[in-house]
C-alpha atoms as a PDB file:
ATOM      1  CA  MET A   1      30.887  -4.715  15.403  1.00  0.00           C
ATOM      2  CA  THR A   2      27.294  -3.966  14.453  1.00  0.00           C
ATOM      3  CA  ALA A   3      26.242  -2.864  10.998  1.00  0.00           C
ATOM      4  CA  LYS A   4      24.995   0.678  10.623  1.00  0.00           C
ATOM      5  CA  ARG A   5      21.383   1.010   9.514  1.00  0.00           C
ATOM      6  CA  ASN A   6      20.454   3.194   6.595  1.00  0.00           C
ATOM      7  CA  ARG A   7      18.006   5.680   8.001  1.00  0.00           C
ATOM      8  CA  ARG A   8      15.785   7.601   5.659  1.00  0.00           C
ATOM      9  CA  LYS A   9      13.435  10.408   6.532  1.00  0.00           C
ATOM     10  CA  GLN A  10      10.124   9.735   4.802  1.00  0.00           C
ATOM     11  CA  THR A  11       8.595  12.782   3.157  1.00  0.00           C
ATOM     12  CA  GLN A  12       5.213  11.137   2.567  1.00  0.00           C
ATOM     13  CA  SER A  13       2.978   9.249   4.962  1.00  0.00           C
ATOM     14  CA  LEU A  14       2.631   5.493   4.687  1.00  0.00           C
ATOM     15  CA  GLN A  15      -0.887   5.868   3.278  1.00  0.00           C
ATOM     16  CA  GLU A  16       0.349   8.245   0.572  1.00  0.00           C
ATOM     17  CA  ARG A  17       3.177   5.902  -0.428  1.00  0.00           C
ATOM     18  CA  LEU A  18       0.850   2.896  -0.541  1.00  0.00           C
ATOM     19  CA  ALA A  19      -1.729   4.783  -2.612  1.00  0.00           C
ATOM     20  CA  ALA A  20       0.939   5.998  -5.049  1.00  0.00           C
ATOM     21  CA  PHE A  21       2.297   2.492  -5.509  1.00  0.00           C
ATOM     22  CA  ALA A  22      -1.205   1.094  -6.057  1.00  0.00           C
ATOM     23  CA  GLU A  23      -1.969   3.757  -8.669  1.00  0.00           C
ATOM     24  CA  LYS A  24       1.306   3.149 -10.536  1.00  0.00           C
ATOM     25  CA  ALA A  25       0.778  -0.610 -10.453  1.00  0.00           C
ATOM     26  CA  ARG A  26      -2.746  -0.256 -11.876  1.00  0.00           C
ATOM     27  CA  GLU A  27      -1.497   2.068 -14.645  1.00  0.00           C
ATOM     28  CA  ARG A  28       1.288  -0.345 -15.542  1.00  0.00           C
ATOM     29  CA  ALA A  29      -1.097  -3.326 -15.454  1.00  0.00           C
ATOM     30  CA  SER A  30      -3.516  -1.575 -17.823  1.00  0.00           C
ATOM     31  CA  SER A  31      -0.773  -1.406 -20.453  1.00  0.00           C
ATOM     32  CA  LEU A  32       0.028  -5.122 -20.189  1.00  0.00           C
ATOM     33  CA  PRO A  33      -1.772  -7.942 -21.987  1.00  0.00           C
ATOM     34  CA  PRO A  34      -3.753 -10.379 -19.803  1.00  0.00           C
ATOM     35  CA  GLY A  35      -1.397 -12.747 -18.061  1.00  0.00           C
ATOM     36  CA  ARG A  36       0.554 -13.561 -14.935  1.00  0.00           C
ATOM     37  CA  GLU A  37       2.509 -10.286 -14.657  1.00  0.00           C
ATOM     38  CA  ARG A  38      -0.663  -8.209 -14.990  1.00  0.00           C
ATOM     39  CA  GLU A  39      -2.457 -10.280 -12.342  1.00  0.00           C
ATOM     40  CA  ILE A  40       0.484  -9.919  -9.937  1.00  0.00           C
ATOM     41  CA  LEU A  41       0.494  -6.125 -10.359  1.00  0.00           C
ATOM     42  CA  LEU A  42      -3.260  -5.922  -9.759  1.00  0.00           C
ATOM     43  CA  GLN A  43      -2.956  -8.153  -6.703  1.00  0.00           C
ATOM     44  CA  ARG A  44      -0.185  -5.973  -5.242  1.00  0.00           C
ATOM     45  CA  ALA A  45      -2.241  -2.841  -5.887  1.00  0.00           C
ATOM     46  CA  LYS A  46      -5.182  -4.362  -4.041  1.00  0.00           C
ATOM     47  CA  GLN A  47      -2.954  -5.443  -1.138  1.00  0.00           C
ATOM     48  CA  ASN A  48      -1.535  -1.934  -0.823  1.00  0.00           C
ATOM     49  CA  GLU A  49      -5.014  -0.416  -0.758  1.00  0.00           C
ATOM     50  CA  MET A  50      -6.085  -2.884   1.933  1.00  0.00           C
ATOM     51  CA  THR A  51      -2.968  -2.117   3.969  1.00  0.00           C
ATOM     52  CA  SER A  52      -3.666   1.600   3.697  1.00  0.00           C
ATOM     53  CA  ASN A  53      -7.241   1.044   4.896  1.00  0.00           C
ATOM     54  CA  LEU A  54      -6.037  -1.061   7.837  1.00  0.00           C
ATOM     55  CA  THR A  55      -3.481   1.569   8.788  1.00  0.00           C
ATOM     56  CA  ASP A  56      -6.194   4.242   8.743  1.00  0.00           C
ATOM     57  CA  TRP A  57      -8.445   2.041  10.853  1.00  0.00           C
ATOM     58  CA  LEU A  58      -5.721   1.254  13.385  1.00  0.00           C
ATOM     59  CA  SER A  59      -4.732   4.894  13.754  1.00  0.00           C
ATOM     60  CA  ALA A  60      -8.327   6.005  14.408  1.00  0.00           C
ATOM     61  CA  PRO A  61      -9.422   6.537  18.015  1.00  0.00           C
ATOM     62  CA  VAL A  62     -11.000   3.436  19.527  1.00  0.00           C
ATOM     63  CA  SER A  63     -14.370   5.158  19.895  1.00  0.00           C
ATOM     64  CA  GLN A  64     -14.528   5.760  16.099  1.00  0.00           C
ATOM     65  CA  ARG A  65     -13.521   2.270  14.980  1.00  0.00           C
ATOM     66  CA  ARG A  66     -16.137   0.130  13.323  1.00  0.00           C
ATOM     67  CA  GLY A  67     -15.668  -3.579  12.846  1.00  0.00           C
ATOM     68  CA  PRO A  68     -16.504  -5.376   9.597  1.00  0.00           C
ATOM     69  CA  SER A  69     -20.243  -5.462   8.909  1.00  0.00           C
END
């Protein structure tokens, strides 16, 4: 018997969710003293922003895509 998947209807786009997570992570990191936990939060925020940018780029029509300069 196969397991049933939990399906959830997303109310926000992927870009919105990534941006919200990045913002919350930066806010939380600003309240922490310098250290490993703060660096991890900042790194995750940066990764989420990069992922959002890549998603935007991939969803753009081919004629509008620009490669890295």
